[in-house]
Amino acid sequence: MKNQHILFGICGSFCNHAAILKQFEMLCEKNDVQAVVSENVFTCDTRFFSHEDFISRLEQASHKPVIHTIVEAEKVGPTNAYDIMIIAPMSATVAAKMTLGIYDHPVTLAAKAMLRNNKNIVFGIASNDGLSISAKNIFTLINMKHFYVIPFRQDAPFEKERSIVSKWELMERSTEMALEHKQLQPILLGGD
């Protein structure tokens, strides 16, 4: 995939940020990528990254300042500058907000703007309760127009039996397919 204008939303599930950063950097090599992050991603230091280091790495790869406010995210709709949006990792909270039409932070508002412009959204789920109470929202999104999921699997079935994580290595292929309005299959992956 190359020469695409990609809006890339990043939410919680901080333990997945290193893998997401790798995919983000690879996409930036051949595409025009703009990051938009949740307030927590923009402000929280974790055991995985300091927020300054993570944001700096995103900006170095994309050569663009990260969108991190509602005011900045609101501009996504009128500019209509992006071909597709990726949200990865998408937390269960963001999945719930999207299914209920709650657009109260930069990533959800940017996603609403993409939908306004009839653009597709590829999402990669990461949730410890993805096969529990949050499953209804995740599977509702999979069934909604303009939403395409990066295939996922149980990441620790014997330690965290309800936890699911998308296979981040399938992000680019999932996005290529979504640009053609197709869902990469199979959605549910076995262990490997």
N, C-alpha and C. Protein backbone atom coordinates (compact mmCIF):
# COMPACT_ATOMS: atom_id res chain seq x y z
N MET A 1 0.85 -1.17 0.00
CA MET A 1 0.00 0.00 0.00
C MET A 1 0.90 1.23 0.00
N LYS A 2 0.58 2.18 -0.87
CA LYS A 2 1.36 3.41 -0.91
C LYS A 2 0.52 4.57 -1.41
N ASN A 3 0.99 5.76 -1.09
CA ASN A 3 0.39 7.02 -1.52
C ASN A 3 -1.05 7.21 -1.03
N GLN A 4 -1.36 6.64 0.12
CA GLN A 4 -2.66 6.83 0.74
C GLN A 4 -2.55 7.92 1.81
N HIS A 5 -3.63 8.66 2.00
CA HIS A 5 -3.72 9.64 3.07
C HIS A 5 -4.46 8.98 4.22
N ILE A 6 -3.73 8.66 5.27
CA ILE A 6 -4.25 7.84 6.36
C ILE A 6 -4.33 8.65 7.65
N LEU A 7 -5.49 8.64 8.27
CA LEU A 7 -5.65 9.18 9.61
C LEU A 7 -5.53 8.00 10.57
N PHE A 8 -4.62 8.11 11.53
CA PHE A 8 -4.31 6.97 12.39
C PHE A 8 -4.62 7.32 13.84
N GLY A 9 -5.71 6.75 14.37
CA GLY A 9 -6.13 7.00 15.75
C GLY A 9 -5.51 6.00 16.70
N ILE A 10 -5.01 6.50 17.83
CA ILE A 10 -4.38 5.64 18.82
C ILE A 10 -5.03 5.87 20.18
N CYS A 11 -5.53 4.78 20.77
CA CYS A 11 -6.20 4.83 22.07
C CYS A 11 -5.39 4.03 23.09
N GLY A 12 -6.04 3.70 24.18
CA GLY A 12 -5.40 2.96 25.26
C GLY A 12 -4.94 1.57 24.87
N SER A 13 -4.83 0.71 25.81
CA SER A 13 -4.15 -0.57 25.68
C SER A 13 -2.67 -0.30 25.44
N PHE A 14 -2.08 0.37 26.41
CA PHE A 14 -0.71 0.84 26.31
C PHE A 14 0.29 -0.27 26.06
N CYS A 15 -0.02 -1.49 26.50
CA CYS A 15 0.91 -2.60 26.29
C CYS A 15 1.06 -2.95 24.81
N ASN A 16 0.15 -2.47 23.98
CA ASN A 16 0.23 -2.72 22.54
C ASN A 16 0.90 -1.58 21.77
N HIS A 17 1.28 -0.52 22.44
CA HIS A 17 1.80 0.66 21.75
C HIS A 17 3.11 0.41 21.00
N ALA A 18 3.98 -0.42 21.51
CA ALA A 18 5.24 -0.70 20.80
C ALA A 18 4.95 -1.36 19.45
N ALA A 19 4.05 -2.33 19.44
CA ALA A 19 3.69 -3.00 18.19
C ALA A 19 2.98 -2.05 17.24
N ILE A 20 2.14 -1.18 17.78
CA ILE A 20 1.43 -0.19 16.96
C ILE A 20 2.41 0.80 16.36
N LEU A 21 3.37 1.24 17.16
CA LEU A 21 4.36 2.19 16.67
C LEU A 21 5.14 1.61 15.49
N LYS A 22 5.47 0.34 15.57
CA LYS A 22 6.18 -0.32 14.46
C LYS A 22 5.34 -0.29 13.19
N GLN A 23 4.06 -0.61 13.29
CA GLN A 23 3.18 -0.58 12.12
C GLN A 23 3.01 0.85 11.60
N PHE A 24 2.88 1.80 12.52
CA PHE A 24 2.74 3.21 12.15
C PHE A 24 3.95 3.67 11.36
N GLU A 25 5.13 3.36 11.85
CA GLU A 25 6.36 3.77 11.18
C GLU A 25 6.46 3.15 9.79
N MET A 26 6.07 1.90 9.65
CA MET A 26 6.11 1.25 8.33
C MET A 26 5.13 1.91 7.37
N LEU A 27 3.93 2.24 7.85
CA LEU A 27 2.96 2.91 6.99
C LEU A 27 3.45 4.28 6.54
N CYS A 28 4.16 4.98 7.43
CA CYS A 28 4.66 6.32 7.11
C CYS A 28 5.71 6.29 6.00
N GLU A 29 6.38 5.17 5.80
CA GLU A 29 7.42 5.08 4.77
C GLU A 29 6.88 5.28 3.37
N LYS A 30 5.62 4.86 3.13
CA LYS A 30 5.07 4.92 1.76
C LYS A 30 3.75 5.68 1.67
N ASN A 31 3.29 6.23 2.79
CA ASN A 31 1.99 6.90 2.81
C ASN A 31 2.08 8.20 3.59
N ASP A 32 1.08 9.04 3.43
CA ASP A 32 0.96 10.28 4.18
C ASP A 32 0.07 9.98 5.39
N VAL A 33 0.67 9.94 6.58
CA VAL A 33 -0.05 9.49 7.77
C VAL A 33 -0.11 10.61 8.81
N GLN A 34 -1.30 10.80 9.35
CA GLN A 34 -1.52 11.79 10.41
C GLN A 34 -2.03 11.06 11.66
N ALA A 35 -1.33 11.23 12.78
CA ALA A 35 -1.76 10.60 14.03
C ALA A 35 -2.74 11.49 14.77
N VAL A 36 -3.75 10.84 15.37
CA VAL A 36 -4.67 11.50 16.30
C VAL A 36 -4.75 10.58 17.52
N VAL A 37 -4.57 11.15 18.70
CA VAL A 37 -4.49 10.33 19.91
C VAL A 37 -5.49 10.79 20.95
N SER A 38 -5.85 9.86 21.83
CA SER A 38 -6.72 10.19 22.96
C SER A 38 -5.94 11.05 23.95
N GLU A 39 -6.69 11.71 24.84
CA GLU A 39 -6.05 12.54 25.86
C GLU A 39 -5.11 11.70 26.73
N ASN A 40 -5.52 10.48 27.06
CA ASN A 40 -4.67 9.63 27.89
C ASN A 40 -3.37 9.27 27.20
N VAL A 41 -3.42 8.97 25.93
CA VAL A 41 -2.21 8.66 25.19
C VAL A 41 -1.29 9.88 25.16
N PHE A 42 -1.88 11.05 25.02
CA PHE A 42 -1.09 12.28 24.92
C PHE A 42 -0.46 12.69 26.25
N THR A 43 -1.08 12.31 27.37
CA THR A 43 -0.62 12.84 28.67
C THR A 43 -0.08 11.80 29.65
N CYS A 44 -0.35 10.53 29.46
CA CYS A 44 0.00 9.54 30.49
C CYS A 44 1.34 8.86 30.22
N ASP A 45 2.19 8.87 31.25
CA ASP A 45 3.39 8.04 31.24
C ASP A 45 3.00 6.65 31.73
N THR A 46 3.54 5.63 31.09
CA THR A 46 3.24 4.25 31.50
C THR A 46 4.54 3.49 31.63
N ARG A 47 4.46 2.25 32.03
CA ARG A 47 5.67 1.43 32.13
C ARG A 47 6.20 1.06 30.75
N PHE A 48 5.44 1.37 29.70
CA PHE A 48 5.86 1.04 28.34
C PHE A 48 6.54 2.20 27.63
N PHE A 49 6.02 3.41 27.83
CA PHE A 49 6.56 4.61 27.21
C PHE A 49 6.29 5.81 28.11
N SER A 50 7.18 6.79 28.07
CA SER A 50 6.78 8.11 28.57
C SER A 50 5.93 8.73 27.46
N HIS A 51 4.96 9.54 27.83
CA HIS A 51 4.10 10.11 26.78
C HIS A 51 4.91 10.98 25.82
N GLU A 52 5.93 11.67 26.33
CA GLU A 52 6.74 12.53 25.47
C GLU A 52 7.50 11.71 24.43
N ASP A 53 8.04 10.59 24.84
CA ASP A 53 8.78 9.73 23.91
C ASP A 53 7.86 9.16 22.85
N PHE A 54 6.70 8.68 23.27
CA PHE A 54 5.77 8.08 22.31
C PHE A 54 5.29 9.11 21.28
N ILE A 55 4.88 10.28 21.76
CA ILE A 55 4.40 11.33 20.85
C ILE A 55 5.54 11.77 19.92
N SER A 56 6.72 11.91 20.46
CA SER A 56 7.88 12.31 19.64
C SER A 56 8.14 11.30 18.53
N ARG A 57 8.04 10.02 18.84
CA ARG A 57 8.27 8.98 17.82
C ARG A 57 7.20 9.05 16.73
N LEU A 58 5.95 9.31 17.10
CA LEU A 58 4.89 9.45 16.10
C LEU A 58 5.17 10.65 15.19
N GLU A 59 5.57 11.75 15.80
CA GLU A 59 5.80 12.97 15.01
C GLU A 59 7.03 12.84 14.13
N GLN A 60 8.05 12.15 14.60
CA GLN A 60 9.24 11.93 13.78
C GLN A 60 8.92 11.07 12.56
N ALA A 61 8.12 10.04 12.76
CA ALA A 61 7.78 9.14 11.65
C ALA A 61 6.88 9.81 10.62
N SER A 62 5.91 10.60 11.09
CA SER A 62 4.93 11.20 10.18
C SER A 62 5.33 12.59 9.68
N HIS A 63 6.27 13.23 10.38
CA HIS A 63 6.67 14.61 10.08
C HIS A 63 5.50 15.59 10.24
N LYS A 64 4.61 15.25 11.20
CA LYS A 64 3.44 16.09 11.47
C LYS A 64 3.17 16.13 12.96
N PRO A 65 2.68 17.27 13.46
CA PRO A 65 2.28 17.29 14.87
C PRO A 65 1.06 16.39 15.09
N VAL A 66 1.03 15.73 16.21
CA VAL A 66 -0.07 14.84 16.56
C VAL A 66 -1.32 15.65 16.90
N ILE A 67 -2.45 15.23 16.37
CA ILE A 67 -3.73 15.82 16.75
C ILE A 67 -4.09 15.24 18.12
N HIS A 68 -4.38 16.12 19.09
CA HIS A 68 -4.67 15.61 20.43
C HIS A 68 -5.77 16.37 21.16
N THR A 69 -6.49 17.24 20.44
CA THR A 69 -7.59 17.97 21.07
C THR A 69 -8.85 17.83 20.23
N ILE A 70 -9.97 18.06 20.87
CA ILE A 70 -11.26 18.06 20.18
C ILE A 70 -11.28 19.13 19.09
N VAL A 71 -10.73 20.28 19.40
CA VAL A 71 -10.73 21.39 18.44
C VAL A 71 -9.99 21.00 17.16
N GLU A 72 -8.84 20.36 17.30
CA GLU A 72 -8.08 19.93 16.12
C GLU A 72 -8.80 18.80 15.38
N ALA A 73 -9.37 17.87 16.13
CA ALA A 73 -10.05 16.73 15.52
C ALA A 73 -11.29 17.16 14.74
N GLU A 74 -11.92 18.23 15.17
CA GLU A 74 -13.13 18.71 14.50
C GLU A 74 -12.85 19.12 13.06
N LYS A 75 -11.62 19.49 12.76
CA LYS A 75 -11.25 19.96 11.42
C LYS A 75 -11.16 18.83 10.41
N VAL A 76 -11.13 17.58 10.88
CA VAL A 76 -11.00 16.43 9.98
C VAL A 76 -12.15 16.38 8.98
N GLY A 77 -13.36 16.64 9.42
CA GLY A 77 -14.51 16.57 8.54
C GLY A 77 -14.47 17.57 7.41
N PRO A 78 -14.39 18.86 7.72
CA PRO A 78 -14.41 19.87 6.65
C PRO A 78 -13.24 19.76 5.67
N THR A 79 -12.06 19.34 6.14
CA THR A 79 -10.93 19.26 5.21
C THR A 79 -11.05 18.07 4.26
N ASN A 80 -11.70 17.00 4.71
CA ASN A 80 -11.89 15.79 3.89
C ASN A 80 -10.58 15.36 3.22
N ALA A 81 -9.51 15.32 4.02
CA ALA A 81 -8.17 15.11 3.49
C ALA A 81 -7.68 13.67 3.53
N TYR A 82 -8.47 12.76 4.09
CA TYR A 82 -7.97 11.40 4.32
C TYR A 82 -8.77 10.37 3.53
N ASP A 83 -8.06 9.35 3.05
CA ASP A 83 -8.70 8.27 2.30
C ASP A 83 -9.33 7.25 3.22
N ILE A 84 -8.72 7.05 4.38
CA ILE A 84 -9.15 6.00 5.29
C ILE A 84 -8.64 6.32 6.69
N MET A 85 -9.27 5.73 7.71
CA MET A 85 -8.81 5.88 9.08
C MET A 85 -8.50 4.51 9.66
N ILE A 86 -7.43 4.44 10.42
CA ILE A 86 -7.10 3.26 11.21
C ILE A 86 -7.20 3.67 12.67
N ILE A 87 -7.85 2.87 13.49
CA ILE A 87 -7.84 3.08 14.94
C ILE A 87 -7.22 1.83 15.55
N ALA A 88 -6.02 2.02 16.12
CA ALA A 88 -5.31 0.88 16.69
C ALA A 88 -4.31 1.37 17.74
N PRO A 89 -4.32 0.82 18.92
CA PRO A 89 -5.37 -0.09 19.36
C PRO A 89 -6.66 0.66 19.66
N MET A 90 -7.77 0.00 19.39
CA MET A 90 -9.07 0.51 19.82
C MET A 90 -9.42 -0.20 21.12
N SER A 91 -9.65 0.56 22.14
CA SER A 91 -10.04 -0.02 23.43
C SER A 91 -11.52 -0.37 23.40
N ALA A 92 -11.94 -1.17 24.36
CA ALA A 92 -13.36 -1.51 24.49
C ALA A 92 -14.19 -0.27 24.77
N THR A 93 -13.62 0.68 25.49
CA THR A 93 -14.34 1.93 25.77
C THR A 93 -14.62 2.70 24.50
N VAL A 94 -13.64 2.79 23.63
CA VAL A 94 -13.84 3.50 22.36
C VAL A 94 -14.82 2.74 21.47
N ALA A 95 -14.76 1.42 21.47
CA ALA A 95 -15.74 0.64 20.71
C ALA A 95 -17.16 0.94 21.20
N ALA A 96 -17.34 1.01 22.51
CA ALA A 96 -18.66 1.32 23.07
C ALA A 96 -19.10 2.73 22.66
N LYS A 97 -18.19 3.68 22.75
CA LYS A 97 -18.54 5.05 22.36
C LYS A 97 -18.95 5.13 20.90
N MET A 98 -18.22 4.44 20.03
CA MET A 98 -18.55 4.48 18.61
C MET A 98 -19.91 3.87 18.32
N THR A 99 -20.24 2.76 18.98
CA THR A 99 -21.53 2.14 18.72
C THR A 99 -22.68 2.98 19.25
N LEU A 100 -22.41 3.80 20.26
CA LEU A 100 -23.46 4.63 20.87
C LEU A 100 -23.45 6.07 20.37
N GLY A 101 -22.54 6.40 19.46
CA GLY A 101 -22.49 7.75 18.93
C GLY A 101 -22.00 8.77 19.94
N ILE A 102 -21.03 8.40 20.76
CA ILE A 102 -20.44 9.32 21.74
C ILE A 102 -19.08 9.75 21.20
N TYR A 103 -18.98 11.03 20.89
CA TYR A 103 -17.78 11.56 20.24
C TYR A 103 -17.14 12.62 21.13
N ASP A 104 -16.64 12.18 22.27
CA ASP A 104 -16.19 13.12 23.27
C ASP A 104 -14.68 13.18 23.44
N HIS A 105 -13.92 12.59 22.54
CA HIS A 105 -12.48 12.78 22.59
C HIS A 105 -11.92 12.77 21.16
N PRO A 106 -10.67 13.16 20.99
CA PRO A 106 -10.15 13.38 19.63
C PRO A 106 -10.31 12.22 18.67
N VAL A 107 -10.08 10.99 19.13
CA VAL A 107 -10.16 9.85 18.20
C VAL A 107 -11.60 9.59 17.78
N THR A 108 -12.53 9.63 18.73
CA THR A 108 -13.93 9.36 18.36
C THR A 108 -14.50 10.48 17.49
N LEU A 109 -14.12 11.73 17.77
CA LEU A 109 -14.62 12.83 16.96
C LEU A 109 -14.03 12.77 15.55
N ALA A 110 -12.76 12.41 15.44
CA ALA A 110 -12.15 12.25 14.12
C ALA A 110 -12.83 11.12 13.35
N ALA A 111 -13.16 10.03 14.04
CA ALA A 111 -13.86 8.91 13.39
C ALA A 111 -15.23 9.35 12.90
N LYS A 112 -15.93 10.13 13.71
CA LYS A 112 -17.24 10.65 13.29
C LYS A 112 -17.08 11.48 12.01
N ALA A 113 -16.02 12.28 11.95
CA ALA A 113 -15.78 13.10 10.76
C ALA A 113 -15.52 12.24 9.53
N MET A 114 -14.79 11.14 9.72
CA MET A 114 -14.54 10.24 8.60
C MET A 114 -15.84 9.62 8.09
N LEU A 115 -16.70 9.22 9.03
CA LEU A 115 -17.99 8.65 8.64
C LEU A 115 -18.85 9.68 7.92
N ARG A 116 -18.78 10.92 8.38
CA ARG A 116 -19.52 12.01 7.72
C ARG A 116 -19.11 12.09 6.25
N ASN A 117 -17.84 11.83 5.97
CA ASN A 117 -17.31 11.90 4.61
C ASN A 117 -17.37 10.56 3.88
N ASN A 118 -18.13 9.61 4.45
CA ASN A 118 -18.30 8.28 3.84
C ASN A 118 -16.98 7.56 3.61
N LYS A 119 -16.08 7.68 4.58
CA LYS A 119 -14.79 7.01 4.50
C LYS A 119 -14.78 5.82 5.46
N ASN A 120 -14.01 4.83 5.11
CA ASN A 120 -13.95 3.60 5.91
C ASN A 120 -12.99 3.74 7.09
N ILE A 121 -13.27 2.96 8.12
CA ILE A 121 -12.46 2.92 9.33
C ILE A 121 -12.04 1.47 9.58
N VAL A 122 -10.75 1.27 9.69
CA VAL A 122 -10.18 -0.03 10.04
C VAL A 122 -9.84 0.03 11.52
N PHE A 123 -10.29 -0.95 12.30
CA PHE A 123 -9.95 -0.90 13.72
C PHE A 123 -9.32 -2.21 14.18
N GLY A 124 -8.36 -2.04 15.07
CA GLY A 124 -7.70 -3.17 15.69
C GLY A 124 -8.04 -3.16 17.17
N ILE A 125 -8.67 -4.21 17.60
CA ILE A 125 -9.17 -4.26 18.98
C ILE A 125 -8.11 -4.82 19.92
N ALA A 126 -8.10 -4.29 21.12
CA ALA A 126 -7.27 -4.82 22.20
C ALA A 126 -8.04 -4.61 23.49
N SER A 127 -8.55 -5.72 24.05
CA SER A 127 -9.39 -5.59 25.23
C SER A 127 -9.34 -6.86 26.07
N ASN A 128 -9.16 -6.67 27.37
CA ASN A 128 -9.18 -7.81 28.28
C ASN A 128 -10.57 -8.41 28.46
N ASP A 129 -11.61 -7.67 28.05
CA ASP A 129 -12.97 -8.21 28.17
C ASP A 129 -13.67 -8.27 26.81
N GLY A 130 -12.87 -8.45 25.76
CA GLY A 130 -13.42 -8.51 24.40
C GLY A 130 -14.35 -9.69 24.16
N LEU A 131 -14.20 -10.75 24.94
CA LEU A 131 -15.11 -11.90 24.84
C LEU A 131 -16.05 -11.95 26.03
N SER A 132 -16.27 -10.80 26.62
CA SER A 132 -17.17 -10.68 27.77
C SER A 132 -18.17 -9.56 27.46
N ILE A 133 -18.39 -8.67 28.39
CA ILE A 133 -19.40 -7.63 28.24
C ILE A 133 -19.13 -6.71 27.04
N SER A 134 -17.86 -6.52 26.69
CA SER A 134 -17.54 -5.62 25.57
C SER A 134 -17.75 -6.26 24.20
N ALA A 135 -17.98 -7.56 24.17
CA ALA A 135 -18.13 -8.26 22.88
C ALA A 135 -19.27 -7.67 22.06
N LYS A 136 -20.37 -7.29 22.72
CA LYS A 136 -21.52 -6.79 21.94
C LYS A 136 -21.17 -5.53 21.17
N ASN A 137 -20.35 -4.65 21.76
CA ASN A 137 -19.98 -3.42 21.05
C ASN A 137 -18.98 -3.69 19.94
N ILE A 138 -18.02 -4.56 20.20
CA ILE A 138 -17.03 -4.89 19.17
C ILE A 138 -17.71 -5.53 17.96
N PHE A 139 -18.61 -6.49 18.22
CA PHE A 139 -19.27 -7.17 17.11
C PHE A 139 -20.33 -6.30 16.45
N THR A 140 -20.87 -5.34 17.17
CA THR A 140 -21.76 -4.36 16.53
C THR A 140 -20.97 -3.54 15.53
N LEU A 141 -19.78 -3.10 15.91
CA LEU A 141 -18.94 -2.32 14.98
C LEU A 141 -18.60 -3.14 13.75
N ILE A 142 -18.25 -4.40 13.94
CA ILE A 142 -17.92 -5.25 12.80
C ILE A 142 -19.07 -5.31 11.81
N ASN A 143 -20.28 -5.21 12.30
CA ASN A 143 -21.47 -5.30 11.47
C ASN A 143 -21.93 -3.95 10.90
N MET A 144 -21.28 -2.86 11.29
CA MET A 144 -21.70 -1.53 10.83
C MET A 144 -21.02 -1.15 9.53
N LYS A 145 -21.75 -0.39 8.71
CA LYS A 145 -21.21 0.12 7.45
C LYS A 145 -19.98 0.97 7.73
N HIS A 146 -18.98 0.84 6.90
CA HIS A 146 -17.73 1.60 6.93
C HIS A 146 -16.73 1.11 7.97
N PHE A 147 -17.02 0.05 8.72
CA PHE A 147 -16.09 -0.47 9.72
C PHE A 147 -15.53 -1.82 9.28
N TYR A 148 -14.21 -1.95 9.40
CA TYR A 148 -13.51 -3.18 9.05
C TYR A 148 -12.53 -3.49 10.17
N VAL A 149 -12.52 -4.73 10.62
CA VAL A 149 -11.69 -5.10 11.76
C VAL A 149 -10.40 -5.78 11.30
N ILE A 150 -9.32 -5.48 11.99
CA ILE A 150 -8.09 -6.24 11.81
C ILE A 150 -8.32 -7.57 12.53
N PRO A 151 -8.16 -8.70 11.84
CA PRO A 151 -8.43 -9.99 12.48
C PRO A 151 -7.75 -10.12 13.85
N PHE A 152 -8.43 -10.83 14.74
CA PHE A 152 -7.97 -10.91 16.12
C PHE A 152 -8.05 -12.33 16.65
N ARG A 153 -7.42 -12.51 17.82
CA ARG A 153 -7.43 -13.81 18.48
C ARG A 153 -7.32 -13.59 19.98
N GLN A 154 -7.57 -14.65 20.72
CA GLN A 154 -7.29 -14.63 22.16
C GLN A 154 -5.78 -14.55 22.32
N ASP A 155 -5.32 -13.59 23.10
CA ASP A 155 -3.88 -13.42 23.25
C ASP A 155 -3.31 -14.22 24.42
N ALA A 156 -4.13 -14.59 25.38
CA ALA A 156 -3.67 -15.39 26.52
C ALA A 156 -4.85 -16.21 27.03
N PRO A 157 -5.29 -17.21 26.27
CA PRO A 157 -6.55 -17.90 26.58
C PRO A 157 -6.59 -18.60 27.94
N PHE A 158 -5.45 -18.96 28.49
CA PHE A 158 -5.46 -19.67 29.76
C PHE A 158 -5.22 -18.75 30.95
N GLU A 159 -4.64 -17.59 30.69
CA GLU A 159 -4.43 -16.61 31.77
C GLU A 159 -5.52 -15.54 31.79
N LYS A 160 -5.95 -15.12 30.59
CA LYS A 160 -6.98 -14.08 30.45
C LYS A 160 -7.97 -14.56 29.39
N GLU A 161 -8.87 -15.41 29.78
CA GLU A 161 -9.70 -16.13 28.80
C GLU A 161 -10.64 -15.24 27.99
N ARG A 162 -10.90 -14.04 28.44
CA ARG A 162 -11.80 -13.14 27.70
C ARG A 162 -11.07 -12.07 26.89
N SER A 163 -9.74 -12.12 26.93
CA SER A 163 -8.92 -11.09 26.29
C SER A 163 -8.69 -11.39 24.81
N ILE A 164 -8.84 -10.35 23.97
CA ILE A 164 -8.56 -10.47 22.54
C ILE A 164 -7.68 -9.31 22.08
N VAL A 165 -6.86 -9.59 21.09
CA VAL A 165 -5.99 -8.57 20.50
C VAL A 165 -5.91 -8.84 19.00
N SER A 166 -6.02 -7.77 18.22
CA SER A 166 -5.84 -7.91 16.78
C SER A 166 -4.41 -8.30 16.46
N LYS A 167 -4.22 -8.97 15.34
CA LYS A 167 -2.89 -9.32 14.87
C LYS A 167 -2.36 -8.12 14.09
N TRP A 168 -1.50 -7.37 14.74
CA TRP A 168 -1.07 -6.08 14.20
C TRP A 168 -0.37 -6.23 12.86
N GLU A 169 0.27 -7.37 12.60
CA GLU A 169 0.95 -7.58 11.32
C GLU A 169 -0.03 -7.60 10.15
N LEU A 170 -1.32 -7.74 10.43
CA LEU A 170 -2.34 -7.74 9.37
C LEU A 170 -2.95 -6.36 9.14
N MET A 171 -2.40 -5.35 9.80
CA MET A 171 -2.96 -4.00 9.68
C MET A 171 -2.93 -3.48 8.25
N GLU A 172 -1.78 -3.56 7.61
CA GLU A 172 -1.68 -3.00 6.26
C GLU A 172 -2.58 -3.75 5.28
N ARG A 173 -2.58 -5.07 5.35
CA ARG A 173 -3.45 -5.85 4.45
C ARG A 173 -4.92 -5.57 4.73
N SER A 174 -5.29 -5.44 5.98
CA SER A 174 -6.68 -5.11 6.33
C SER A 174 -7.07 -3.76 5.75
N THR A 175 -6.14 -2.82 5.79
CA THR A 175 -6.41 -1.48 5.27
C THR A 175 -6.53 -1.50 3.75
N GLU A 176 -5.66 -2.25 3.10
CA GLU A 176 -5.76 -2.38 1.63
C GLU A 176 -7.13 -2.94 1.24
N MET A 177 -7.57 -3.95 1.95
CA MET A 177 -8.87 -4.56 1.66
C MET A 177 -10.01 -3.58 1.92
N ALA A 178 -9.92 -2.84 3.03
CA ALA A 178 -10.97 -1.87 3.37
C ALA A 178 -11.07 -0.75 2.35
N LEU A 179 -9.95 -0.39 1.74
CA LEU A 179 -9.99 0.61 0.66
C LEU A 179 -10.81 0.11 -0.53
N GLU A 180 -10.93 -1.22 -0.62
CA GLU A 180 -11.76 -1.83 -1.67
C GLU A 180 -13.13 -2.25 -1.12
N HIS A 181 -13.43 -1.80 0.11
CA HIS A 181 -14.71 -2.12 0.79
C HIS A 181 -14.87 -3.62 1.03
N LYS A 182 -13.76 -4.27 1.40
CA LYS A 182 -13.77 -5.70 1.68
C LYS A 182 -13.17 -5.96 3.04
N GLN A 183 -13.68 -6.97 3.72
CA GLN A 183 -13.18 -7.39 5.03
C GLN A 183 -12.17 -8.51 4.85
N LEU A 184 -10.98 -8.33 5.40
CA LEU A 184 -9.99 -9.40 5.39
C LEU A 184 -10.51 -10.57 6.23
N GLN A 185 -10.38 -11.76 5.70
CA GLN A 185 -10.85 -12.96 6.37
C GLN A 185 -9.68 -13.92 6.60
N PRO A 186 -9.78 -14.79 7.58
CA PRO A 186 -10.84 -14.87 8.58
C PRO A 186 -10.66 -13.80 9.65
N ILE A 187 -11.76 -13.40 10.25
CA ILE A 187 -11.75 -12.40 11.32
C ILE A 187 -11.21 -13.01 12.62
N LEU A 188 -11.68 -14.21 12.92
CA LEU A 188 -11.27 -14.90 14.15
C LEU A 188 -10.11 -15.83 13.85
N LEU A 189 -8.98 -15.57 14.50
CA LEU A 189 -7.77 -16.34 14.24
C LEU A 189 -7.53 -17.36 15.34
N GLY A 190 -6.89 -18.46 14.96
CA GLY A 190 -6.44 -19.42 15.96
C GLY A 190 -5.12 -18.98 16.56
N GLY A 191 -4.63 -19.72 17.51
CA GLY A 191 -3.35 -19.38 18.13
C GLY A 191 -2.19 -19.73 17.21
N ASP A 192 -1.06 -19.01 17.40
CA ASP A 192 0.16 -19.37 16.67
C ASP A 192 1.37 -18.82 17.36
